[in-house]
Amino acid sequence: AVSGTPERQNPLVLTVGPGFFTTLQIPLLRGREMDDHDRPSLNP
């Protein structure tokens, strides 16, 4: 669910570790990669 809208999506959901995009050489177009500073229990 996209917050603030009634929209629902049905994407693939992959759970990955830090460095995933670098390791697989998947370029980021915007923003940043998830890293060790991100704590899923505090700031998903």
PDB file of all heavy atoms in Angstrom:
ATOM      1  N   ALA A   1       0.845  -1.184   0.000  1.00  0.00           N
ATOM      2  CA  ALA A   1       0.000   0.000   0.000  1.00  0.00           C
ATOM      3  C   ALA A   1       0.881   1.234   0.000  1.00  0.00           C
ATOM      4  O   ALA A   1       1.862   1.305   0.734  1.00  0.00           O
ATOM      5  CB  ALA A   1      -0.896  -0.002   1.242  1.00  0.00           C
ATOM      6  N   VAL A   2       0.531   2.193  -0.840  1.00  0.00           N
ATOM      7  CA  VAL A   2       1.232   3.467  -0.880  1.00  0.00           C
ATOM      8  C   VAL A   2       0.555   4.375   0.136  1.00  0.00           C
ATOM      9  O   VAL A   2      -0.651   4.625   0.047  1.00  0.00           O
ATOM     10  CB  VAL A   2       1.179   4.081  -2.294  1.00  0.00           C
ATOM     11  CG1 VAL A   2       1.838   5.443  -2.310  1.00  0.00           C
ATOM     12  CG2 VAL A   2       1.834   3.139  -3.294  1.00  0.00           C
ATOM     13  N   SER A   3       1.326   4.840   1.135  1.00  0.00           N
ATOM     14  CA  SER A   3       0.754   5.657   2.210  1.00  0.00           C
ATOM     15  C   SER A   3       0.076   6.902   1.660  1.00  0.00           C
ATOM     16  O   SER A   3       0.577   7.541   0.747  1.00  0.00           O
ATOM     17  CB  SER A   3       1.840   6.062   3.200  1.00  0.00           C
ATOM     18  OG  SER A   3       2.322   4.927   3.860  1.00  0.00           O
ATOM     19  N   GLY A   4      -1.067   7.195   2.241  1.00  0.00           N
ATOM     20  CA  GLY A   4      -1.809   8.395   1.874  1.00  0.00           C
ATOM     21  C   GLY A   4      -2.674   8.240   0.644  1.00  0.00           C
ATOM     22  O   GLY A   4      -3.301   9.193   0.208  1.00  0.00           O
ATOM     23  N   THR A   5      -2.715   7.036   0.060  1.00  0.00           N
ATOM     24  CA  THR A   5      -3.560   6.811  -1.110  1.00  0.00           C
ATOM     25  C   THR A   5      -4.257   5.462  -0.961  1.00  0.00           C
ATOM     26  O   THR A   5      -3.809   4.606  -0.209  1.00  0.00           O
ATOM     27  CB  THR A   5      -2.736   6.772  -2.425  1.00  0.00           C
ATOM     28  OG1 THR A   5      -2.002   5.551  -2.469  1.00  0.00           O
ATOM     29  CG2 THR A   5      -1.804   7.961  -2.551  1.00  0.00           C
ATOM     30  N   PRO A   6      -5.341   5.274  -1.698  1.00  0.00           N
ATOM     31  CA  PRO A   6      -5.989   3.963  -1.679  1.00  0.00           C
ATOM     32  C   PRO A   6      -5.295   2.965  -2.612  1.00  0.00           C
ATOM     33  O   PRO A   6      -5.718   1.821  -2.721  1.00  0.00           O
ATOM     34  CB  PRO A   6      -7.410   4.267  -2.171  1.00  0.00           C
ATOM     35  CG  PRO A   6      -7.253   5.480  -3.020  1.00  0.00           C
ATOM     36  CD  PRO A   6      -6.118   6.265  -2.429  1.00  0.00           C
ATOM     37  N   GLU A   7      -4.225   3.409  -3.281  1.00  0.00           N
ATOM     38  CA  GLU A   7      -3.526   2.570  -4.253  1.00  0.00           C
ATOM     39  C   GLU A   7      -2.944   1.320  -3.610  1.00  0.00           C
ATOM     40  O   GLU A   7      -2.362   1.368  -2.538  1.00  0.00           O
ATOM     41  CB  GLU A   7      -2.401   3.355  -4.928  1.00  0.00           C
ATOM     42  CG  GLU A   7      -2.871   4.534  -5.739  1.00  0.00           C
ATOM     43  CD  GLU A   7      -3.685   4.110  -6.951  1.00  0.00           C
ATOM     44  OE1 GLU A   7      -3.318   3.119  -7.619  1.00  0.00           O
ATOM     45  OE2 GLU A   7      -4.712   4.761  -7.203  1.00  0.00           O
ATOM     46  N   ARG A   8      -3.074   0.214  -4.310  1.00  0.00           N
ATOM     47  CA  ARG A   8      -2.460  -1.052  -3.905  1.00  0.00           C
ATOM     48  C   ARG A   8      -1.634  -1.553  -5.074  1.00  0.00           C
ATOM     49  O   ARG A   8      -2.063  -1.496  -6.217  1.00  0.00           O
ATOM     50  CB  ARG A   8      -3.515  -2.099  -3.557  1.00  0.00           C
ATOM     51  CG  ARG A   8      -4.426  -1.693  -2.415  1.00  0.00           C
ATOM     52  CD  ARG A   8      -3.816  -2.128  -1.124  1.00  0.00           C
ATOM     53  NE  ARG A   8      -4.789  -2.049  -0.053  1.00  0.00           N
ATOM     54  CZ  ARG A   8      -4.535  -1.525   1.108  1.00  0.00           C
ATOM     55  NH1 ARG A   8      -3.361  -1.012   1.357  1.00  0.00           N
ATOM     56  NH2 ARG A   8      -5.449  -1.495   2.051  1.00  0.00           N
ATOM     57  N   GLN A   9      -0.454  -2.061  -4.778  1.00  0.00           N
ATOM     58  CA  GLN A   9       0.432  -2.622  -5.782  1.00  0.00           C
ATOM     59  C   GLN A   9       0.666  -4.087  -5.429  1.00  0.00           C
ATOM     60  O   GLN A   9       0.467  -4.490  -4.294  1.00  0.00           O
ATOM     61  CB  GLN A   9       1.769  -1.865  -5.793  1.00  0.00           C
ATOM     62  CG  GLN A   9       1.649  -0.378  -6.009  1.00  0.00           C
ATOM     63  CD  GLN A   9       1.184  -0.011  -7.405  1.00  0.00           C
ATOM     64  OE1 GLN A   9       1.538  -0.676  -8.373  1.00  0.00           O
ATOM     65  NE2 GLN A   9       0.387   1.031  -7.512  1.00  0.00           N
ATOM     66  N   ASN A  10       1.114  -4.863  -6.386  1.00  0.00           N
ATOM     67  CA  ASN A  10       1.427  -6.274  -6.154  1.00  0.00           C
ATOM     68  C   ASN A  10       2.822  -6.581  -6.708  1.00  0.00           C
ATOM     69  O   ASN A  10       2.976  -7.371  -7.632  1.00  0.00           O
ATOM     70  CB  ASN A  10       0.366  -7.158  -6.817  1.00  0.00           C
ATOM     71  CG  ASN A  10       0.502  -8.596  -6.407  1.00  0.00           C
ATOM     72  OD1 ASN A  10       1.050  -8.918  -5.359  1.00  0.00           O
ATOM     73  ND2 ASN A  10       0.021  -9.494  -7.250  1.00  0.00           N
ATOM     74  N   PRO A  11       3.866  -5.946  -6.138  1.00  0.00           N
ATOM     75  CA  PRO A  11       5.218  -6.136  -6.666  1.00  0.00           C
ATOM     76  C   PRO A  11       5.892  -7.376  -6.096  1.00  0.00           C
ATOM     77  O   PRO A  11       5.411  -7.972  -5.129  1.00  0.00           O
ATOM     78  CB  PRO A  11       5.944  -4.884  -6.164  1.00  0.00           C
ATOM     79  CG  PRO A  11       5.310  -4.660  -4.826  1.00  0.00           C
ATOM     80  CD  PRO A  11       3.850  -4.997  -5.030  1.00  0.00           C
ATOM     81  N   LEU A  12       7.031  -7.719  -6.685  1.00  0.00           N
ATOM     82  CA  LEU A  12       7.923  -8.666  -6.029  1.00  0.00           C
ATOM     83  C   LEU A  12       8.507  -7.945  -4.833  1.00  0.00           C
ATOM     84  O   LEU A  12       8.780  -6.746  -4.890  1.00  0.00           O
ATOM     85  CB  LEU A  12       9.061  -9.079  -6.959  1.00  0.00           C
ATOM     86  CG  LEU A  12       8.686  -9.855  -8.212  1.00  0.00           C
ATOM     87  CD1 LEU A  12       9.928 -10.110  -9.053  1.00  0.00           C
ATOM     88  CD2 LEU A  12       8.007 -11.156  -7.861  1.00  0.00           C
ATOM     89  N   VAL A  13       8.693  -8.641  -3.738  1.00  0.00           N
ATOM     90  CA  VAL A  13       9.325  -8.065  -2.559  1.00  0.00           C
ATOM     91  C   VAL A  13      10.528  -8.936  -2.221  1.00  0.00           C
ATOM     92  O   VAL A  13      10.380 -10.117  -1.929  1.00  0.00           O
ATOM     93  CB  VAL A  13       8.349  -7.983  -1.360  1.00  0.00           C
ATOM     94  CG1 VAL A  13       9.052  -7.438  -0.134  1.00  0.00           C
ATOM     95  CG2 VAL A  13       7.145  -7.113  -1.722  1.00  0.00           C
ATOM     96  N   LEU A  14      11.714  -8.339  -2.307  1.00  0.00           N
ATOM     97  CA  LEU A  14      12.953  -9.048  -2.009  1.00  0.00           C
ATOM     98  C   LEU A  14      13.569  -8.448  -0.763  1.00  0.00           C
ATOM     99  O   LEU A  14      13.652  -7.222  -0.630  1.00  0.00           O
ATOM    100  CB  LEU A  14      13.941  -8.920  -3.166  1.00  0.00           C
ATOM    101  CG  LEU A  14      13.523  -9.540  -4.492  1.00  0.00           C
ATOM    102  CD1 LEU A  14      14.539  -9.207  -5.574  1.00  0.00           C
ATOM    103  CD2 LEU A  14      13.378 -11.043  -4.358  1.00  0.00           C
ATOM    104  N   THR A  15      13.991  -9.300   0.142  1.00  0.00           N
ATOM    105  CA  THR A  15      14.683  -8.855   1.340  1.00  0.00           C
ATOM    106  C   THR A  15      16.174  -9.046   1.080  1.00  0.00           C
ATOM    107  O   THR A  15      16.615 -10.149   0.766  1.00  0.00           O
ATOM    108  CB  THR A  15      14.226  -9.665   2.567  1.00  0.00           C
ATOM    109  OG1 THR A  15      12.810  -9.542   2.670  1.00  0.00           O
ATOM    110  CG2 THR A  15      14.877  -9.137   3.828  1.00  0.00           C
ATOM    111  N   VAL A  16      16.925  -7.944   1.183  1.00  0.00           N
ATOM    112  CA  VAL A  16      18.335  -7.956   0.805  1.00  0.00           C
ATOM    113  C   VAL A  16      19.189  -7.339   1.905  1.00  0.00           C
ATOM    114  O   VAL A  16      18.695  -6.619   2.770  1.00  0.00           O
ATOM    115  CB  VAL A  16      18.558  -7.205  -0.523  1.00  0.00           C
ATOM    116  CG1 VAL A  16      17.751  -7.845  -1.648  1.00  0.00           C
ATOM    117  CG2 VAL A  16      18.227  -5.732  -0.407  1.00  0.00           C
ATOM    118  N   GLY A  17      20.482  -7.611   1.829  1.00  0.00           N
ATOM    119  CA  GLY A  17      21.426  -7.063   2.790  1.00  0.00           C
ATOM    120  C   GLY A  17      22.089  -5.800   2.268  1.00  0.00           C
ATOM    121  O   GLY A  17      21.952  -5.442   1.097  1.00  0.00           O
ATOM    122  N   PRO A  18      22.829  -5.124   3.149  1.00  0.00           N
ATOM    123  CA  PRO A  18      23.593  -3.951   2.721  1.00  0.00           C
ATOM    124  C   PRO A  18      24.551  -4.330   1.594  1.00  0.00           C
ATOM    125  O   PRO A  18      25.077  -5.437   1.553  1.00  0.00           O
ATOM    126  CB  PRO A  18      24.373  -3.552   3.973  1.00  0.00           C
ATOM    127  CG  PRO A  18      23.594  -4.133   5.103  1.00  0.00           C
ATOM    128  CD  PRO A  18      22.993  -5.404   4.570  1.00  0.00           C
ATOM    129  N   GLY A  19      24.742  -3.418   0.666  1.00  0.00           N
ATOM    130  CA  GLY A  19      25.652  -3.659  -0.442  1.00  0.00           C
ATOM    131  C   GLY A  19      25.066  -4.485  -1.572  1.00  0.00           C
ATOM    132  O   GLY A  19      25.767  -4.826  -2.518  1.00  0.00           O
ATOM    133  N   PHE A  20      23.788  -4.786  -1.520  1.00  0.00           N
ATOM    134  CA  PHE A  20      23.151  -5.629  -2.521  1.00  0.00           C
ATOM    135  C   PHE A  20      23.295  -5.045  -3.929  1.00  0.00           C
ATOM    136  O   PHE A  20      23.685  -5.736  -4.871  1.00  0.00           O
ATOM    137  CB  PHE A  20      21.672  -5.827  -2.180  1.00  0.00           C
ATOM    138  CG  PHE A  20      20.908  -6.647  -3.175  1.00  0.00           C
ATOM    139  CD1 PHE A  20      20.983  -8.027  -3.157  1.00  0.00           C
ATOM    140  CD2 PHE A  20      20.118  -6.037  -4.135  1.00  0.00           C
ATOM    141  CE1 PHE A  20      20.279  -8.794  -4.070  1.00  0.00           C
ATOM    142  CE2 PHE A  20      19.410  -6.798  -5.055  1.00  0.00           C
ATOM    143  CZ  PHE A  20      19.490  -8.170  -5.024  1.00  0.00           C
ATOM    144  N   PHE A  21      22.989  -3.770  -4.089  1.00  0.00           N
ATOM    145  CA  PHE A  21      23.010  -3.151  -5.416  1.00  0.00           C
ATOM    146  C   PHE A  21      24.441  -3.015  -5.941  1.00  0.00           C
ATOM    147  O   PHE A  21      24.685  -3.225  -7.117  1.00  0.00           O
ATOM    148  CB  PHE A  21      22.279  -1.808  -5.389  1.00  0.00           C
ATOM    149  CG  PHE A  21      20.831  -1.982  -5.026  1.00  0.00           C
ATOM    150  CD1 PHE A  21      20.414  -1.838  -3.716  1.00  0.00           C
ATOM    151  CD2 PHE A  21      19.899  -2.340  -5.974  1.00  0.00           C
ATOM    152  CE1 PHE A  21      19.093  -2.037  -3.353  1.00  0.00           C
ATOM    153  CE2 PHE A  21      18.578  -2.541  -5.636  1.00  0.00           C
ATOM    154  CZ  PHE A  21      18.166  -2.399  -4.324  1.00  0.00           C
ATOM    155  N   THR A  22      25.364  -2.706  -5.056  1.00  0.00           N
ATOM    156  CA  THR A  22      26.772  -2.650  -5.441  1.00  0.00           C
ATOM    157  C   THR A  22      27.251  -4.026  -5.870  1.00  0.00           C
ATOM    158  O   THR A  22      27.902  -4.181  -6.903  1.00  0.00           O
ATOM    159  CB  THR A  22      27.628  -2.133  -4.266  1.00  0.00           C
ATOM    160  OG1 THR A  22      27.200  -0.820  -3.938  1.00  0.00           O
ATOM    161  CG2 THR A  22      29.097  -2.132  -4.603  1.00  0.00           C
ATOM    162  N   THR A  23      26.934  -5.040  -5.084  1.00  0.00           N
ATOM    163  CA  THR A  23      27.384  -6.401  -5.365  1.00  0.00           C
ATOM    164  C   THR A  23      26.850  -6.901  -6.694  1.00  0.00           C
ATOM    165  O   THR A  23      27.579  -7.513  -7.475  1.00  0.00           O
ATOM    166  CB  THR A  23      26.962  -7.351  -4.224  1.00  0.00           C
ATOM    167  OG1 THR A  23      27.519  -6.871  -3.000  1.00  0.00           O
ATOM    168  CG2 THR A  23      27.435  -8.771  -4.470  1.00  0.00           C
ATOM    169  N   LEU A  24      25.586  -6.657  -6.972  1.00  0.00           N
ATOM    170  CA  LEU A  24      24.993  -7.132  -8.219  1.00  0.00           C
ATOM    171  C   LEU A  24      25.134  -6.138  -9.360  1.00  0.00           C
ATOM    172  O   LEU A  24      24.644  -6.383 -10.448  1.00  0.00           O
ATOM    173  CB  LEU A  24      23.525  -7.496  -8.005  1.00  0.00           C
ATOM    174  CG  LEU A  24      23.450  -8.892  -7.424  1.00  0.00           C
ATOM    175  CD1 LEU A  24      23.146  -8.855  -5.957  1.00  0.00           C
ATOM    176  CD2 LEU A  24      22.490  -9.726  -8.181  1.00  0.00           C
ATOM    177  N   GLN A  25      25.778  -5.027  -9.103  1.00  0.00           N
ATOM    178  CA  GLN A  25      25.997  -3.983 -10.095  1.00  0.00           C
ATOM    179  C   GLN A  25      24.684  -3.507 -10.707  1.00  0.00           C
ATOM    180  O   GLN A  25      24.551  -3.344 -11.922  1.00  0.00           O
ATOM    181  CB  GLN A  25      26.984  -4.445 -11.160  1.00  0.00           C
ATOM    182  CG  GLN A  25      28.345  -4.768 -10.588  1.00  0.00           C
ATOM    183  CD  GLN A  25      29.341  -5.235 -11.617  1.00  0.00           C
ATOM    184  OE1 GLN A  25      29.089  -5.236 -12.809  1.00  0.00           O
ATOM    185  NE2 GLN A  25      30.512  -5.620 -11.142  1.00  0.00           N
ATOM    186  N   ILE A  26      23.702  -3.287  -9.829  1.00  0.00           N
ATOM    187  CA  ILE A  26      22.420  -2.718 -10.230  1.00  0.00           C
ATOM    188  C   ILE A  26      22.504  -1.226  -9.914  1.00  0.00           C
ATOM    189  O   ILE A  26      22.563  -0.844  -8.742  1.00  0.00           O
ATOM    190  CB  ILE A  26      21.241  -3.364  -9.473  1.00  0.00           C
ATOM    191  CG1 ILE A  26      21.183  -4.868  -9.766  1.00  0.00           C
ATOM    192  CG2 ILE A  26      19.934  -2.683  -9.847  1.00  0.00           C
ATOM    193  CD1 ILE A  26      20.177  -5.630  -8.907  1.00  0.00           C
ATOM    194  N   PRO A  27      22.533  -0.369 -10.934  1.00  0.00           N
ATOM    195  CA  PRO A  27      22.682   1.065 -10.679  1.00  0.00           C
ATOM    196  C   PRO A  27      21.485   1.673  -9.948  1.00  0.00           C
ATOM    197  O   PRO A  27      20.342   1.275 -10.170  1.00  0.00           O
ATOM    198  CB  PRO A  27      22.804   1.674 -12.079  1.00  0.00           C
ATOM    199  CG  PRO A  27      23.166   0.535 -12.973  1.00  0.00           C
ATOM    200  CD  PRO A  27      22.562  -0.686 -12.354  1.00  0.00           C
ATOM    201  N   LEU A  28      21.785   2.630  -9.094  1.00  0.00           N
ATOM    202  CA  LEU A  28      20.741   3.427  -8.461  1.00  0.00           C
ATOM    203  C   LEU A  28      20.561   4.698  -9.293  1.00  0.00           C
ATOM    204  O   LEU A  28      21.531   5.363  -9.645  1.00  0.00           O
ATOM    205  CB  LEU A  28      21.117   3.793  -7.031  1.00  0.00           C
ATOM    206  CG  LEU A  28      21.119   2.637  -6.041  1.00  0.00           C
ATOM    207  CD1 LEU A  28      21.467   3.146  -4.649  1.00  0.00           C
ATOM    208  CD2 LEU A  28      19.787   1.932  -6.007  1.00  0.00           C
ATOM    209  N   LEU A  29      19.314   5.021  -9.576  1.00  0.00           N
ATOM    210  CA  LEU A  29      18.999   6.213 -10.363  1.00  0.00           C
ATOM    211  C   LEU A  29      18.793   7.432  -9.474  1.00  0.00           C
ATOM    212  O   LEU A  29      19.062   8.550  -9.883  1.00  0.00           O
ATOM    213  CB  LEU A  29      17.732   5.972 -11.179  1.00  0.00           C
ATOM    214  CG  LEU A  29      17.806   4.798 -12.149  1.00  0.00           C
ATOM    215  CD1 LEU A  29      16.450   4.530 -12.758  1.00  0.00           C
ATOM    216  CD2 LEU A  29      18.848   5.085 -13.219  1.00  0.00           C
ATOM    217  N   ARG A  30      18.288   7.178  -8.275  1.00  0.00           N
ATOM    218  CA  ARG A  30      18.019   8.235  -7.302  1.00  0.00           C
ATOM    219  C   ARG A  30      18.281   7.697  -5.913  1.00  0.00           C
ATOM    220  O   ARG A  30      18.128   6.515  -5.652  1.00  0.00           O
ATOM    221  CB  ARG A  30      16.554   8.678  -7.345  1.00  0.00           C
ATOM    222  CG  ARG A  30      16.132   9.371  -8.577  1.00  0.00           C
ATOM    223  CD  ARG A  30      14.685   9.779  -8.444  1.00  0.00           C
ATOM    224  NE  ARG A  30      14.331  10.647  -9.549  1.00  0.00           N
ATOM    225  CZ  ARG A  30      13.153  11.175  -9.715  1.00  0.00           C
ATOM    226  NH1 ARG A  30      12.193  10.927  -8.850  1.00  0.00           N
ATOM    227  NH2 ARG A  30      12.914  11.952 -10.740  1.00  0.00           N
ATOM    228  N   GLY A  31      18.632   8.588  -5.018  1.00  0.00           N
ATOM    229  CA  GLY A  31      18.746   8.217  -3.620  1.00  0.00           C
ATOM    230  C   GLY A  31      19.982   7.397  -3.323  1.00  0.00           C
ATOM    231  O   GLY A  31      21.026   7.566  -3.940  1.00  0.00           O
ATOM    232  N   ARG A  32      19.810   6.474  -2.387  1.00  0.00           N
ATOM    233  CA  ARG A  32      20.949   5.726  -1.867  1.00  0.00           C
ATOM    234  C   ARG A  32      20.592   4.265  -1.666  1.00  0.00           C
ATOM    235  O   ARG A  32      19.429   3.871  -1.660  1.00  0.00           O
ATOM    236  CB  ARG A  32      21.404   6.326  -0.540  1.00  0.00           C
ATOM    237  CG  ARG A  32      20.343   6.178   0.570  1.00  0.00           C
ATOM    238  CD  ARG A  32      20.846   6.709   1.896  1.00  0.00           C
ATOM    239  NE  ARG A  32      19.858   6.621   2.945  1.00  0.00           N
ATOM    240  CZ  ARG A  32      19.631   5.556   3.702  1.00  0.00           C
ATOM    241  NH1 ARG A  32      20.311   4.438   3.515  1.00  0.00           N
ATOM    242  NH2 ARG A  32      18.719   5.590   4.648  1.00  0.00           N
ATOM    243  N   GLU A  33      21.637   3.494  -1.440  1.00  0.00           N
ATOM    244  CA  GLU A  33      21.493   2.081  -1.111  1.00  0.00           C
ATOM    245  C   GLU A  33      21.244   1.949   0.396  1.00  0.00           C
ATOM    246  O   GLU A  33      21.649   2.805   1.175  1.00  0.00           O
ATOM    247  CB  GLU A  33      22.784   1.359  -1.503  1.00  0.00           C
ATOM    248  CG  GLU A  33      22.719  -0.118  -1.368  1.00  0.00           C
ATOM    249  CD  GLU A  33      23.829  -0.826  -2.141  1.00  0.00           C
ATOM    250  OE1 GLU A  33      24.604  -0.183  -2.850  1.00  0.00           O
ATOM    251  OE2 GLU A  33      23.882  -2.053  -2.016  1.00  0.00           O
ATOM    252  N   MET A  34      20.602   0.888   0.798  1.00  0.00           N
ATOM    253  CA  MET A  34      20.426   0.614   2.220  1.00  0.00           C
ATOM    254  C   MET A  34      21.775   0.195   2.790  1.00  0.00           C
ATOM    255  O   MET A  34      22.557  -0.476   2.118  1.00  0.00           O
ATOM    256  CB  MET A  34      19.381  -0.485   2.412  1.00  0.00           C
ATOM    257  CG  MET A  34      18.013  -0.070   1.901  1.00  0.00           C
ATOM    258  SD  MET A  34      16.831  -1.420   1.831  1.00  0.00           S
ATOM    259  CE  MET A  34      17.368  -2.294   0.357  1.00  0.00           C
ATOM    260  N   ASP A  35      22.046   0.575   4.043  1.00  0.00           N
ATOM    261  CA  ASP A  35      23.342   0.227   4.626  1.00  0.00           C
ATOM    262  C   ASP A  35      23.177  -0.210   6.078  1.00  0.00           C
ATOM    263  O   ASP A  35      22.062  -0.336   6.579  1.00  0.00           O
ATOM    264  CB  ASP A  35      24.332   1.388   4.496  1.00  0.00           C
ATOM    265  CG  ASP A  35      23.877   2.654   5.199  1.00  0.00           C
ATOM    266  OD1 ASP A  35      23.156   2.578   6.223  1.00  0.00           O
ATOM    267  OD2 ASP A  35      24.258   3.741   4.740  1.00  0.00           O
ATOM    268  N   ASP A  36      24.303  -0.434   6.759  1.00  0.00           N
ATOM    269  CA  ASP A  36      24.277  -0.928   8.136  1.00  0.00           C
ATOM    270  C   ASP A  36      23.687   0.074   9.122  1.00  0.00           C
ATOM    271  O   ASP A  36      23.323  -0.297  10.230  1.00  0.00           O
ATOM    272  CB  ASP A  36      25.684  -1.328   8.588  1.00  0.00           C
ATOM    273  CG  ASP A  36      26.130  -2.648   7.974  1.00  0.00           C
ATOM    274  OD1 ASP A  36      25.259  -3.521   7.753  1.00  0.00           O
ATOM    275  OD2 ASP A  36      27.326  -2.799   7.706  1.00  0.00           O
ATOM    276  N   HIS A  37      23.596   1.332   8.734  1.00  0.00           N
ATOM    277  CA  HIS A  37      23.025   2.334   9.634  1.00  0.00           C
ATOM    278  C   HIS A  37      21.499   2.260   9.682  1.00  0.00           C
ATOM    279  O   HIS A  37      20.878   2.760  10.609  1.00  0.00           O
ATOM    280  CB  HIS A  37      23.463   3.735   9.223  1.00  0.00           C
ATOM    281  CG  HIS A  37      24.939   3.937   9.394  1.00  0.00           C
ATOM    282  ND1 HIS A  37      25.825   3.807   8.349  1.00  0.00           N
ATOM    283  CD2 HIS A  37      25.676   4.211  10.490  1.00  0.00           C
ATOM    284  CE1 HIS A  37      27.047   4.019   8.788  1.00  0.00           C
ATOM    285  NE2 HIS A  37      26.993   4.252  10.086  1.00  0.00           N
ATOM    286  N   ASP A  38      20.899   1.667   8.679  1.00  0.00           N
ATOM    287  CA  ASP A  38      19.447   1.513   8.646  1.00  0.00           C
ATOM    288  C   ASP A  38      19.055   0.364   9.559  1.00  0.00           C
ATOM    289  O   ASP A  38      19.554  -0.741   9.426  1.00  0.00           O
ATOM    290  CB  ASP A  38      18.964   1.229   7.219  1.00  0.00           C
ATOM    291  CG  ASP A  38      19.231   2.385   6.280  1.00  0.00           C
ATOM    292  OD1 ASP A  38      18.863   3.517   6.632  1.00  0.00           O
ATOM    293  OD2 ASP A  38      19.806   2.143   5.206  1.00  0.00           O
ATOM    294  N   ARG A  39      18.180   0.632  10.478  1.00  0.00           N
ATOM    295  CA  ARG A  39      17.700  -0.373  11.429  1.00  0.00           C
ATOM    296  C   ARG A  39      16.232  -0.656  11.118  1.00  0.00           C
ATOM    297  O   ARG A  39      15.375   0.186  11.383  1.00  0.00           O
ATOM    298  CB  ARG A  39      17.820   0.121  12.866  1.00  0.00           C
ATOM    299  CG  ARG A  39      19.219   0.535  13.256  1.00  0.00           C
ATOM    300  CD  ARG A  39      20.033  -0.689  13.571  1.00  0.00           C
ATOM    301  NE  ARG A  39      21.336  -0.284  14.062  1.00  0.00           N
ATOM    302  CZ  ARG A  39      22.457  -0.837  13.652  1.00  0.00           C
ATOM    303  NH1 ARG A  39      22.426  -1.794  12.769  1.00  0.00           N
ATOM    304  NH2 ARG A  39      23.608  -0.437  14.126  1.00  0.00           N
ATOM    305  N   PRO A  40      15.938  -1.827  10.541  1.00  0.00           N
ATOM    306  CA  PRO A  40      14.560  -2.113  10.149  1.00  0.00           C
ATOM    307  C   PRO A  40      13.543  -1.965  11.277  1.00  0.00           C
ATOM    308  O   PRO A  40      12.397  -1.617  11.033  1.00  0.00           O
ATOM    309  CB  PRO A  40      14.623  -3.561   9.655  1.00  0.00           C
ATOM    310  CG  PRO A  40      16.025  -3.721   9.195  1.00  0.00           C
ATOM    311  CD  PRO A  40      16.846  -2.887  10.155  1.00  0.00           C
ATOM    312  N   SER A  41      13.961  -2.214  12.519  1.00  0.00           N
ATOM    313  CA  SER A  41      13.005  -2.100  13.618  1.00  0.00           C
ATOM    314  C   SER A  41      12.754  -0.637  14.009  1.00  0.00           C
ATOM    315  O   SER A  41      11.730  -0.332  14.601  1.00  0.00           O
ATOM    316  CB  SER A  41      13.512  -2.874  14.832  1.00  0.00           C
ATOM    317  OG  SER A  41      14.766  -2.352  15.242  1.00  0.00           O
ATOM    318  N   LEU A  42      13.679   0.271  13.671  1.00  0.00           N
ATOM    319  CA  LEU A  42      13.532   1.686  14.029  1.00  0.00           C
ATOM    320  C   LEU A  42      13.130   2.554  12.852  1.00  0.00           C
ATOM    321  O   LEU A  42      12.252   3.397  12.964  1.00  0.00           O
ATOM    322  CB  LEU A  42      14.844   2.215  14.625  1.00  0.00           C
ATOM    323  CG  LEU A  42      15.324   1.529  15.894  1.00  0.00           C
ATOM    324  CD1 LEU A  42      16.685   2.083  16.304  1.00  0.00           C
ATOM    325  CD2 LEU A  42      14.316   1.735  17.015  1.00  0.00           C
ATOM    326  N   ASN A  43      13.820   2.410  11.752  1.00  0.00           N
ATOM    327  CA  ASN A  43      13.536   3.219  10.568  1.00  0.00           C
ATOM    328  C   ASN A  43      13.552   2.330   9.329  1.00  0.00           C
ATOM    329  O   ASN A  43      14.519   2.289   8.594  1.00  0.00           O
ATOM    330  CB  ASN A  43      14.544   4.369  10.433  1.00  0.00           C
ATOM    331  CG  ASN A  43      15.986   3.870  10.338  1.00  0.00           C
ATOM    332  OD1 ASN A  43      16.335   2.843  10.907  1.00  0.00           O
ATOM    333  ND2 ASN A  43      16.818   4.586   9.617  1.00  0.00           N
ATOM    334  N   PRO A  44      12.455   1.591   9.096  1.00  0.00           N
ATOM    335  CA  PRO A  44      12.417   0.692   7.953  1.00  0.00           C
ATOM    336  C   PRO A  44      12.549   1.464   6.641  1.00  0.00           C
ATOM    337  O   PRO A  44      11.879   2.486   6.454  1.00  0.00           O
ATOM    338  CB  PRO A  44      11.057   0.008   8.046  1.00  0.00           C
ATOM    339  CG  PRO A  44      10.427   0.464   9.300  1.00  0.00           C
ATOM    340  CD  PRO A  44      11.230   1.577   9.864  1.00  0.00           C
TER     341      PRO A  44
END
